[in-house]
Amino acid sequence: MNDNELSSRLESLETRLMHQEASIEELTRTLLRQEQLISSQMAAIDRLQAMIRSLSATHDAPSGEEPPPPHY
């Protein structure tokens, strides 16, 4: 193998490595955004579940404590 071929192969490998590093960085950024989104969605779900529990707790009062209908 002469110096020209070796230099060409090395340059090709360096180019591939550069593209792979850029791809890994982009994937990492995408993964971080998705993790933030999932975390935000999980917090929203937790808040909604708490709201549902509090609403169902107020509607689960015994029937003897309910006020009479308005027409009485």
PDB file of N, CA and C in Angstrom:
ATOM      1  N   MET A   1       0.844  -1.172   0.000  1.00  0.00           N
ATOM      2  CA  MET A   1       0.000   0.000   0.000  1.00  0.00           C
ATOM      3  C   MET A   1       0.891   1.237   0.000  1.00  0.00           C
ATOM      4  N   ASN A   2       0.594   2.143  -0.880  1.00  0.00           N
ATOM      5  CA  ASN A   2       1.414   3.355  -0.928  1.00  0.00           C
ATOM      6  C   ASN A   2       0.813   4.430  -0.026  1.00  0.00           C
ATOM      7  N   ASP A   3       1.553   5.496   0.105  1.00  0.00           N
ATOM      8  CA  ASP A   3       1.140   6.584   0.999  1.00  0.00           C
ATOM      9  C   ASP A   3      -0.163   7.241   0.552  1.00  0.00           C
ATOM     10  N   ASN A   4      -0.382   7.298  -0.749  1.00  0.00           N
ATOM     11  CA  ASN A   4      -1.598   7.906  -1.285  1.00  0.00           C
ATOM     12  C   ASN A   4      -2.834   7.113  -0.875  1.00  0.00           C
ATOM     13  N   GLU A   5      -2.767   5.795  -1.015  1.00  0.00           N
ATOM     14  CA  GLU A   5      -3.904   4.948  -0.646  1.00  0.00           C
ATOM     15  C   GLU A   5      -4.157   4.996   0.861  1.00  0.00           C
ATOM     16  N   LEU A   6      -3.093   4.978   1.615  1.00  0.00           N
ATOM     17  CA  LEU A   6      -3.207   5.032   3.072  1.00  0.00           C
ATOM     18  C   LEU A   6      -3.825   6.355   3.514  1.00  0.00           C
ATOM     19  N   SER A   7      -3.385   7.426   2.895  1.00  0.00           N
ATOM     20  CA  SER A   7      -3.912   8.750   3.218  1.00  0.00           C
ATOM     21  C   SER A   7      -5.394   8.843   2.849  1.00  0.00           C
ATOM     22  N   SER A   8      -5.756   8.260   1.719  1.00  0.00           N
ATOM     23  CA  SER A   8      -7.142   8.282   1.269  1.00  0.00           C
ATOM     24  C   SER A   8      -8.026   7.473   2.229  1.00  0.00           C
ATOM     25  N   ARG A   9      -7.565   6.317   2.647  1.00  0.00           N
ATOM     26  CA  ARG A   9      -8.321   5.490   3.576  1.00  0.00           C
ATOM     27  C   ARG A   9      -8.475   6.185   4.928  1.00  0.00           C
ATOM     28  N   LEU A  10      -7.414   6.806   5.386  1.00  0.00           N
ATOM     29  CA  LEU A  10      -7.463   7.525   6.656  1.00  0.00           C
ATOM     30  C   LEU A  10      -8.453   8.684   6.581  1.00  0.00           C
ATOM     31  N   GLU A  11      -8.427   9.401   5.483  1.00  0.00           N
ATOM     32  CA  GLU A  11      -9.359  10.514   5.304  1.00  0.00           C
ATOM     33  C   GLU A  11     -10.801  10.013   5.269  1.00  0.00           C
ATOM     34  N   SER A  12     -11.029   8.887   4.607  1.00  0.00           N
ATOM     35  CA  SER A  12     -12.365   8.305   4.547  1.00  0.00           C
ATOM     36  C   SER A  12     -12.838   7.904   5.939  1.00  0.00           C
ATOM     37  N   LEU A  13     -11.967   7.294   6.721  1.00  0.00           N
ATOM     38  CA  LEU A  13     -12.322   6.902   8.083  1.00  0.00           C
ATOM     39  C   LEU A  13     -12.609   8.114   8.958  1.00  0.00           C
ATOM     40  N   GLU A  14     -11.819   9.157   8.816  1.00  0.00           N
ATOM     41  CA  GLU A  14     -12.036  10.373   9.599  1.00  0.00           C
ATOM     42  C   GLU A  14     -13.378  11.015   9.242  1.00  0.00           C
ATOM     43  N   THR A  15     -13.716  10.992   7.959  1.00  0.00           N
ATOM     44  CA  THR A  15     -14.991  11.556   7.508  1.00  0.00           C
ATOM     45  C   THR A  15     -16.157  10.760   8.086  1.00  0.00           C
ATOM     46  N   ARG A  16     -16.064   9.438   8.022  1.00  0.00           N
ATOM     47  CA  ARG A  16     -17.113   8.592   8.584  1.00  0.00           C
ATOM     48  C   ARG A  16     -17.257   8.822  10.083  1.00  0.00           C
ATOM     49  N   LEU A  17     -16.149   8.931  10.772  1.00  0.00           N
ATOM     50  CA  LEU A  17     -16.182   9.167  12.211  1.00  0.00           C
ATOM     51  C   LEU A  17     -16.850  10.505  12.523  1.00  0.00           C
ATOM     52  N   MET A  18     -16.535  11.511  11.743  1.00  0.00           N
ATOM     53  CA  MET A  18     -17.121  12.828  11.947  1.00  0.00           C
ATOM     54  C   MET A  18     -18.648  12.772  11.772  1.00  0.00           C
ATOM     55  N   HIS A  19     -19.114  12.068  10.747  1.00  0.00           N
ATOM     56  CA  HIS A  19     -20.554  11.939  10.517  1.00  0.00           C
ATOM     57  C   HIS A  19     -21.221  11.129  11.640  1.00  0.00           C
ATOM     58  N   GLN A  20     -20.552  10.093  12.113  1.00  0.00           N
ATOM     59  CA  GLN A  20     -21.111   9.287  13.187  1.00  0.00           C
ATOM     60  C   GLN A  20     -21.204  10.092  14.488  1.00  0.00           C
ATOM     61  N   GLU A  21     -20.199  10.892  14.770  1.00  0.00           N
ATOM     62  CA  GLU A  21     -20.229  11.732  15.966  1.00  0.00           C
ATOM     63  C   GLU A  21     -21.364  12.747  15.886  1.00  0.00           C
ATOM     64  N   ALA A  22     -21.567  13.323  14.706  1.00  0.00           N
ATOM     65  CA  ALA A  22     -22.665  14.279  14.528  1.00  0.00           C
ATOM     66  C   ALA A  22     -24.010  13.583  14.726  1.00  0.00           C
ATOM     67  N   SER A  23     -24.135  12.369  14.210  1.00  0.00           N
ATOM     68  CA  SER A  23     -25.379  11.607  14.371  1.00  0.00           C
ATOM     69  C   SER A  23     -25.627  11.284  15.840  1.00  0.00           C
ATOM     70  N   ILE A  24     -24.594  10.893  16.552  1.00  0.00           N
ATOM     71  CA  ILE A  24     -24.731  10.573  17.975  1.00  0.00           C
ATOM     72  C   ILE A  24     -25.148  11.810  18.758  1.00  0.00           C
ATOM     73  N   GLU A  25     -24.565  12.952  18.441  1.00  0.00           N
ATOM     74  CA  GLU A  25     -24.939  14.198  19.123  1.00  0.00           C
ATOM     75  C   GLU A  25     -26.407  14.544  18.862  1.00  0.00           C
ATOM     76  N   GLU A  26     -26.856  14.377  17.625  1.00  0.00           N
ATOM     77  CA  GLU A  26     -28.249  14.663  17.288  1.00  0.00           C
ATOM     78  C   GLU A  26     -29.184  13.698  18.009  1.00  0.00           C
ATOM     79  N   LEU A  27     -28.831  12.428  18.062  1.00  0.00           N
ATOM     80  CA  LEU A  27     -29.644  11.447  18.778  1.00  0.00           C
ATOM     81  C   LEU A  27     -29.703  11.765  20.271  1.00  0.00           C
ATOM     82  N   THR A  28     -28.593  12.202  20.830  1.00  0.00           N
ATOM     83  CA  THR A  28     -28.555  12.563  22.242  1.00  0.00           C
ATOM     84  C   THR A  28     -29.475  13.741  22.525  1.00  0.00           C
ATOM     85  N   ARG A  29     -29.424  14.770  21.670  1.00  0.00           N
ATOM     86  CA  ARG A  29     -30.314  15.921  21.843  1.00  0.00           C
ATOM     87  C   ARG A  29     -31.778  15.505  21.742  1.00  0.00           C
ATOM     88  N   THR A  30     -32.089  14.646  20.787  1.00  0.00           N
ATOM     89  CA  THR A  30     -33.455  14.169  20.614  1.00  0.00           C
ATOM     90  C   THR A  30     -33.909  13.388  21.836  1.00  0.00           C
ATOM     91  N   LEU A  31     -33.048  12.536  22.348  1.00  0.00           N
ATOM     92  CA  LEU A  31     -33.377  11.750  23.526  1.00  0.00           C
ATOM     93  C   LEU A  31     -33.628  12.651  24.736  1.00  0.00           C
ATOM     94  N   LEU A  32     -32.811  13.669  24.909  1.00  0.00           N
ATOM     95  CA  LEU A  32     -33.005  14.592  26.030  1.00  0.00           C
ATOM     96  C   LEU A  32     -34.331  15.336  25.920  1.00  0.00           C
ATOM     97  N   ARG A  33     -34.684  15.769  24.710  1.00  0.00           N
ATOM     98  CA  ARG A  33     -35.975  16.448  24.510  1.00  0.00           C
ATOM     99  C   ARG A  33     -37.132  15.497  24.831  1.00  0.00           C
ATOM    100  N   GLN A  34     -37.008  14.253  24.406  1.00  0.00           N
ATOM    101  CA  GLN A  34     -38.067  13.278  24.676  1.00  0.00           C
ATOM    102  C   GLN A  34     -38.183  12.991  26.166  1.00  0.00           C
ATOM    103  N   GLU A  35     -37.068  12.912  26.852  1.00  0.00           N
ATOM    104  CA  GLU A  35     -37.103  12.688  28.299  1.00  0.00           C
ATOM    105  C   GLU A  35     -37.788  13.856  29.008  1.00  0.00           C
ATOM    106  N   GLN A  36     -37.487  15.082  28.569  1.00  0.00           N
ATOM    107  CA  GLN A  36     -38.134  16.250  29.162  1.00  0.00           C
ATOM    108  C   GLN A  36     -39.632  16.236  28.897  1.00  0.00           C
ATOM    109  N   LEU A  37     -40.017  15.884  27.686  1.00  0.00           N
ATOM    110  CA  LEU A  37     -41.431  15.822  27.323  1.00  0.00           C
ATOM    111  C   LEU A  37     -42.152  14.754  28.138  1.00  0.00           C
ATOM    112  N   ILE A  38     -41.553  13.589  28.267  1.00  0.00           N
ATOM    113  CA  ILE A  38     -42.165  12.511  29.046  1.00  0.00           C
ATOM    114  C   ILE A  38     -42.301  12.923  30.503  1.00  0.00           C
ATOM    115  N   SER A  39     -41.277  13.563  31.029  1.00  0.00           N
ATOM    116  CA  SER A  39     -41.334  14.023  32.419  1.00  0.00           C
ATOM    117  C   SER A  39     -42.463  15.030  32.610  1.00  0.00           C
ATOM    118  N   SER A  40     -42.601  15.944  31.683  1.00  0.00           N
ATOM    119  CA  SER A  40     -43.672  16.937  31.738  1.00  0.00           C
ATOM    120  C   SER A  40     -45.041  16.269  31.642  1.00  0.00           C
ATOM    121  N   GLN A  41     -45.174  15.300  30.757  1.00  0.00           N
ATOM    122  CA  GLN A  41     -46.436  14.596  30.600  1.00  0.00           C
ATOM    123  C   GLN A  41     -46.767  13.768  31.840  1.00  0.00           C
ATOM    124  N   MET A  42     -45.773  13.159  32.449  1.00  0.00           N
ATOM    125  CA  MET A  42     -46.001  12.382  33.669  1.00  0.00           C
ATOM    126  C   MET A  42     -46.486  13.297  34.796  1.00  0.00           C
ATOM    127  N   ALA A  43     -45.906  14.488  34.900  1.00  0.00           N
ATOM    128  CA  ALA A  43     -46.337  15.442  35.925  1.00  0.00           C
ATOM    129  C   ALA A  43     -47.776  15.871  35.668  1.00  0.00           C
ATOM    130  N   ALA A  44     -48.128  16.096  34.409  1.00  0.00           N
ATOM    131  CA  ALA A  44     -49.503  16.484  34.070  1.00  0.00           C
ATOM    132  C   ALA A  44     -50.467  15.348  34.400  1.00  0.00           C
ATOM    133  N   ILE A  45     -50.078  14.125  34.114  1.00  0.00           N
ATOM    134  CA  ILE A  45     -50.928  12.978  34.431  1.00  0.00           C
ATOM    135  C   ILE A  45     -51.125  12.870  35.940  1.00  0.00           C
ATOM    136  N   ASP A  46     -50.048  13.062  36.698  1.00  0.00           N
ATOM    137  CA  ASP A  46     -50.159  13.018  38.156  1.00  0.00           C
ATOM    138  C   ASP A  46     -51.134  14.076  38.669  1.00  0.00           C
ATOM    139  N   ARG A  47     -51.043  15.295  38.118  1.00  0.00           N
ATOM    140  CA  ARG A  47     -51.958  16.362  38.534  1.00  0.00           C
ATOM    141  C   ARG A  47     -53.399  16.008  38.184  1.00  0.00           C
ATOM    142  N   LEU A  48     -53.615  15.475  36.995  1.00  0.00           N
ATOM    143  CA  LEU A  48     -54.973  15.100  36.582  1.00  0.00           C
ATOM    144  C   LEU A  48     -55.529  13.977  37.451  1.00  0.00           C
ATOM    145  N   GLN A  49     -54.683  13.006  37.783  1.00  0.00           N
ATOM    146  CA  GLN A  49     -55.144  11.920  38.649  1.00  0.00           C
ATOM    147  C   GLN A  49     -55.525  12.454  40.027  1.00  0.00           C
ATOM    148  N   ALA A  50     -54.740  13.393  40.537  1.00  0.00           N
ATOM    149  CA  ALA A  50     -55.055  13.985  41.837  1.00  0.00           C
ATOM    150  C   ALA A  50     -56.381  14.748  41.762  1.00  0.00           C
ATOM    151  N   MET A  51     -56.595  15.447  40.668  1.00  0.00           N
ATOM    152  CA  MET A  51     -57.850  16.182  40.496  1.00  0.00           C
ATOM    153  C   MET A  51     -59.034  15.217  40.436  1.00  0.00           C
ATOM    154  N   ILE A  52     -58.865  14.135  39.710  1.00  0.00           N
ATOM    155  CA  ILE A  52     -59.943  13.149  39.586  1.00  0.00           C
ATOM    156  C   ILE A  52     -60.246  12.524  40.946  1.00  0.00           C
ATOM    157  N   ARG A  53     -59.191  12.201  41.695  1.00  0.00           N
ATOM    158  CA  ARG A  53     -59.406  11.626  43.027  1.00  0.00           C
ATOM    159  C   ARG A  53     -60.143  12.604  43.935  1.00  0.00           C
ATOM    160  N   SER A  54     -59.763  13.875  43.883  1.00  0.00           N
ATOM    161  CA  SER A  54     -60.426  14.849  44.757  1.00  0.00           C
ATOM    162  C   SER A  54     -61.876  15.059  44.335  1.00  0.00           C
ATOM    163  N   LEU A  55     -62.144  15.045  43.035  1.00  0.00           N
ATOM    164  CA  LEU A  55     -63.524  15.201  42.568  1.00  0.00           C
ATOM    165  C   LEU A  55     -64.360  13.982  42.919  1.00  0.00           C
ATOM    166  N   SER A  56     -63.802  12.810  42.774  1.00  0.00           N
ATOM    167  CA  SER A  56     -64.575  11.609  43.087  1.00  0.00           C
ATOM    168  C   SER A  56     -64.791  11.490  44.589  1.00  0.00           C
ATOM    169  N   ALA A  57     -63.868  12.007  45.393  1.00  0.00           N
ATOM    170  CA  ALA A  57     -64.032  11.971  46.847  1.00  0.00           C
ATOM    171  C   ALA A  57     -65.193  12.876  47.266  1.00  0.00           C
ATOM    172  N   THR A  58     -65.378  13.997  46.604  1.00  0.00           N
ATOM    173  CA  THR A  58     -66.479  14.903  46.958  1.00  0.00           C
ATOM    174  C   THR A  58     -67.825  14.343  46.493  1.00  0.00           C
ATOM    175  N   HIS A  59     -67.826  13.526  45.452  1.00  0.00           N
ATOM    176  CA  HIS A  59     -69.071  12.953  44.933  1.00  0.00           C
ATOM    177  C   HIS A  59     -69.402  11.608  45.579  1.00  0.00           C
ATOM    178  N   ASP A  60     -68.519  11.097  46.373  1.00  0.00           N
ATOM    179  CA  ASP A  60     -68.754   9.813  47.031  1.00  0.00           C
ATOM    180  C   ASP A  60     -69.384   9.984  48.411  1.00  0.00           C
ATOM    181  N   ALA A  61     -69.963  11.126  48.686  1.00  0.00           N
ATOM    182  CA  ALA A  61     -70.600  11.369  49.988  1.00  0.00           C
ATOM    183  C   ALA A  61     -71.790  10.428  50.138  1.00  0.00           C
ATOM    184  N   PRO A  62     -72.069   9.992  51.347  1.00  0.00           N
ATOM    185  CA  PRO A  62     -73.229   9.108  51.566  1.00  0.00           C
ATOM    186  C   PRO A  62     -74.515   9.778  51.093  1.00  0.00           C
ATOM    187  N   SER A  63     -75.453   8.967  50.619  1.00  0.00           N
ATOM    188  CA  SER A  63     -76.673   9.519  50.023  1.00  0.00           C
ATOM    189  C   SER A  63     -77.538  10.273  51.043  1.00  0.00           C
ATOM    190  N   GLY A  64     -77.418   9.973  52.344  1.00  0.00           N
ATOM    191  CA  GLY A  64     -78.194  10.671  53.360  1.00  0.00           C
ATOM    192  C   GLY A  64     -77.767  12.114  53.518  1.00  0.00           C
ATOM    193  N   GLU A  65     -76.588  12.471  53.087  1.00  0.00           N
ATOM    194  CA  GLU A  65     -76.088  13.835  53.257  1.00  0.00           C
ATOM    195  C   GLU A  65     -76.329  14.710  52.041  1.00  0.00           C
ATOM    196  N   GLU A  66     -76.887  14.141  50.994  1.00  0.00           N
ATOM    197  CA  GLU A  66     -77.129  14.933  49.793  1.00  0.00           C
ATOM    198  C   GLU A  66     -78.320  15.855  50.028  1.00  0.00           C
ATOM    199  N   PRO A  67     -78.241  17.080  49.545  1.00  0.00           N
ATOM    200  CA  PRO A  67     -79.390  17.983  49.695  1.00  0.00           C
ATOM    201  C   PRO A  67     -80.547  17.518  48.818  1.00  0.00           C
ATOM    202  N   PRO A  68     -81.749  17.875  49.166  1.00  0.00           N
ATOM    203  CA  PRO A  68     -82.901  17.468  48.345  1.00  0.00           C
ATOM    204  C   PRO A  68     -82.848  18.176  46.989  1.00  0.00           C
ATOM    205  N   PRO A  69     -83.490  17.631  46.001  1.00  0.00           N
ATOM    206  CA  PRO A  69     -83.535  18.281  44.682  1.00  0.00           C
ATOM    207  C   PRO A  69     -84.185  19.652  44.779  1.00  0.00           C
ATOM    208  N   PRO A  70     -83.913  20.553  43.878  1.00  0.00           N
ATOM    209  CA  PRO A  70     -84.415  21.924  43.960  1.00  0.00           C
ATOM    210  C   PRO A  70     -85.940  22.043  43.905  1.00  0.00           C
ATOM    211  N   HIS A  71     -86.664  21.103  43.359  1.00  0.00           N
ATOM    212  CA  HIS A  71     -88.119  21.241  43.249  1.00  0.00           C
ATOM    213  C   HIS A  71     -88.859  20.902  44.543  1.00  0.00           C
ATOM    214  N   TYR A  72     -88.187  20.502  45.616  1.00  0.00           N
ATOM    215  CA  TYR A  72     -88.859  20.209  46.883  1.00  0.00           C
ATOM    216  C   TYR A  72     -88.951  21.411  47.747  1.00  0.00           C
TER     217      TYR A  72
END
